[in-house]
Amino acid sequence: MIITGAGFVIGLAEALIYYNMGKQKDGKFSYKIPPTKELVQTAGIVIVTSLATAMLTNGIEKMLKNKTVPVTTLAIA
């Protein structure tokens, strides 16, 4: 839950920065929150990717607990 929450907060902050970078005019950066519909869509995408990251991390941790994998194998994969 902590990984998902942290991923969501960081991901949403990153998405808002990219949104504002795309909206800048004359090379001047300003910070604005997108309209509600866009904000909800962005938050939804970030939630999905945060959950996917958490599930992937959890799956890898379980796999590694069940098998002894040499460090060199992880570096090659």
C-alpha atoms as a PDB file:
ATOM      1  CA  MET A   1       0.000   0.000   0.000  1.00  0.00           C
ATOM      2  CA  ILE A   2       2.861   2.355   0.784  1.00  0.00           C
ATOM      3  CA  ILE A   3       4.514   1.687  -2.578  1.00  0.00           C
ATOM      4  CA  THR A   4       1.229   2.261  -4.409  1.00  0.00           C
ATOM      5  CA  GLY A   5       0.492   5.473  -2.507  1.00  0.00           C
ATOM      6  CA  ALA A   6       3.971   6.871  -3.002  1.00  0.00           C
ATOM      7  CA  GLY A   7       3.888   5.889  -6.663  1.00  0.00           C
ATOM      8  CA  PHE A   8       0.558   7.633  -7.083  1.00  0.00           C
ATOM      9  CA  VAL A   9       1.707  10.883  -5.452  1.00  0.00           C
ATOM     10  CA  ILE A  10       4.967  11.011  -7.388  1.00  0.00           C
ATOM     11  CA  GLY A  11       3.297   9.949 -10.634  1.00  0.00           C
ATOM     12  CA  LEU A  12       0.560  12.556 -10.338  1.00  0.00           C
ATOM     13  CA  ALA A  13       3.085  15.295  -9.561  1.00  0.00           C
ATOM     14  CA  GLU A  14       5.116  14.240 -12.593  1.00  0.00           C
ATOM     15  CA  ALA A  15       2.028  14.175 -14.809  1.00  0.00           C
ATOM     16  CA  LEU A  16       1.043  17.687 -13.679  1.00  0.00           C
ATOM     17  CA  ILE A  17       4.541  18.982 -14.428  1.00  0.00           C
ATOM     18  CA  TYR A  18       4.399  17.493 -17.936  1.00  0.00           C
ATOM     19  CA  TYR A  19       0.897  18.922 -18.421  1.00  0.00           C
ATOM     20  CA  ASN A  20       2.122  22.393 -17.536  1.00  0.00           C
ATOM     21  CA  MET A  21       5.245  22.060 -19.680  1.00  0.00           C
ATOM     22  CA  GLY A  22       2.995  21.292 -22.638  1.00  0.00           C
ATOM     23  CA  LYS A  23       0.818  24.322 -21.908  1.00  0.00           C
ATOM     24  CA  GLN A  24       3.657  26.845 -21.535  1.00  0.00           C
ATOM     25  CA  LYS A  25       3.577  29.872 -23.811  1.00  0.00           C
ATOM     26  CA  ASP A  26       6.514  31.977 -24.949  1.00  0.00           C
ATOM     27  CA  GLY A  27       8.901  29.764 -22.965  1.00  0.00           C
ATOM     28  CA  LYS A  28       7.366  30.826 -19.645  1.00  0.00           C
ATOM     29  CA  PHE A  29       6.442  28.041 -17.244  1.00  0.00           C
ATOM     30  CA  SER A  30       3.334  28.494 -15.160  1.00  0.00           C
ATOM     31  CA  TYR A  31       1.605  26.019 -12.895  1.00  0.00           C
ATOM     32  CA  LYS A  32      -2.105  25.378 -13.366  1.00  0.00           C
ATOM     33  CA  ILE A  33      -4.295  22.434 -12.463  1.00  0.00           C
ATOM     34  CA  PRO A  34      -6.006  20.955 -15.534  1.00  0.00           C
ATOM     35  CA  PRO A  35      -9.780  21.021 -15.917  1.00  0.00           C
ATOM     36  CA  THR A  36     -11.597  18.475 -13.737  1.00  0.00           C
ATOM     37  CA  LYS A  37     -12.183  15.951 -16.531  1.00  0.00           C
ATOM     38  CA  GLU A  38      -8.509  15.923 -17.548  1.00  0.00           C
ATOM     39  CA  LEU A  39      -7.368  15.777 -13.919  1.00  0.00           C
ATOM     40  CA  VAL A  40      -9.613  12.776 -13.213  1.00  0.00           C
ATOM     41  CA  GLN A  41      -8.392  11.008 -16.372  1.00  0.00           C
ATOM     42  CA  THR A  42      -4.776  11.684 -15.446  1.00  0.00           C
ATOM     43  CA  ALA A  43      -5.308  10.485 -11.866  1.00  0.00           C
ATOM     44  CA  GLY A  44      -6.990   7.324 -13.194  1.00  0.00           C
ATOM     45  CA  ILE A  45      -4.050   6.503 -15.448  1.00  0.00           C
ATOM     46  CA  VAL A  46      -1.584   7.146 -12.623  1.00  0.00           C
ATOM     47  CA  ILE A  47      -3.593   4.909 -10.257  1.00  0.00           C
ATOM     48  CA  VAL A  48      -3.579   2.072 -12.806  1.00  0.00           C
ATOM     49  CA  THR A  49       0.172   2.347 -13.387  1.00  0.00           C
ATOM     50  CA  SER A  50       0.846   2.580  -9.626  1.00  0.00           C
ATOM     51  CA  LEU A  51      -1.188  -0.568  -8.999  1.00  0.00           C
ATOM     52  CA  ALA A  52       0.547  -2.361 -11.868  1.00  0.00           C
ATOM     53  CA  THR A  53       3.941  -1.397 -10.430  1.00  0.00           C
ATOM     54  CA  ALA A  54       2.945  -2.636  -6.973  1.00  0.00           C
ATOM     55  CA  MET A  55       1.652  -5.957  -8.354  1.00  0.00           C
ATOM     56  CA  LEU A  56       4.777  -6.453 -10.448  1.00  0.00           C
ATOM     57  CA  THR A  57       7.018  -5.663  -7.478  1.00  0.00           C
ATOM     58  CA  ASN A  58       5.055  -8.028  -5.252  1.00  0.00           C
ATOM     59  CA  GLY A  59       5.240 -10.799  -7.851  1.00  0.00           C
ATOM     60  CA  ILE A  60       8.982 -10.410  -8.283  1.00  0.00           C
ATOM     61  CA  GLU A  61       9.524 -10.418  -4.508  1.00  0.00           C
ATOM     62  CA  LYS A  62       7.504 -13.637  -4.144  1.00  0.00           C
ATOM     63  CA  MET A  63       9.383 -15.251  -7.007  1.00  0.00           C
ATOM     64  CA  LEU A  64      12.736 -14.322  -5.498  1.00  0.00           C
ATOM     65  CA  LYS A  65      11.728 -15.654  -2.077  1.00  0.00           C
ATOM     66  CA  ASN A  66      10.873 -19.022  -3.622  1.00  0.00           C
ATOM     67  CA  LYS A  67      14.046 -19.312  -5.714  1.00  0.00           C
ATOM     68  CA  THR A  68      17.675 -18.567  -5.175  1.00  0.00           C
ATOM     69  CA  VAL A  69      18.703 -16.461  -8.138  1.00  0.00           C
ATOM     70  CA  PRO A  70      22.352 -15.511  -8.617  1.00  0.00           C
ATOM     71  CA  VAL A  71      22.904 -11.753  -8.789  1.00  0.00           C
ATOM     72  CA  THR A  72      24.572 -12.118 -12.200  1.00  0.00           C
ATOM     73  CA  THR A  73      21.374 -13.626 -13.608  1.00  0.00           C
ATOM     74  CA  LEU A  74      19.395 -10.565 -12.525  1.00  0.00           C
ATOM     75  CA  ALA A  75      21.897  -8.222 -14.152  1.00  0.00           C
ATOM     76  CA  ILE A  76      21.654 -10.061 -17.492  1.00  0.00           C
ATOM     77  CA  ALA A  77      17.851 -10.255 -17.495  1.00  0.00           C
END
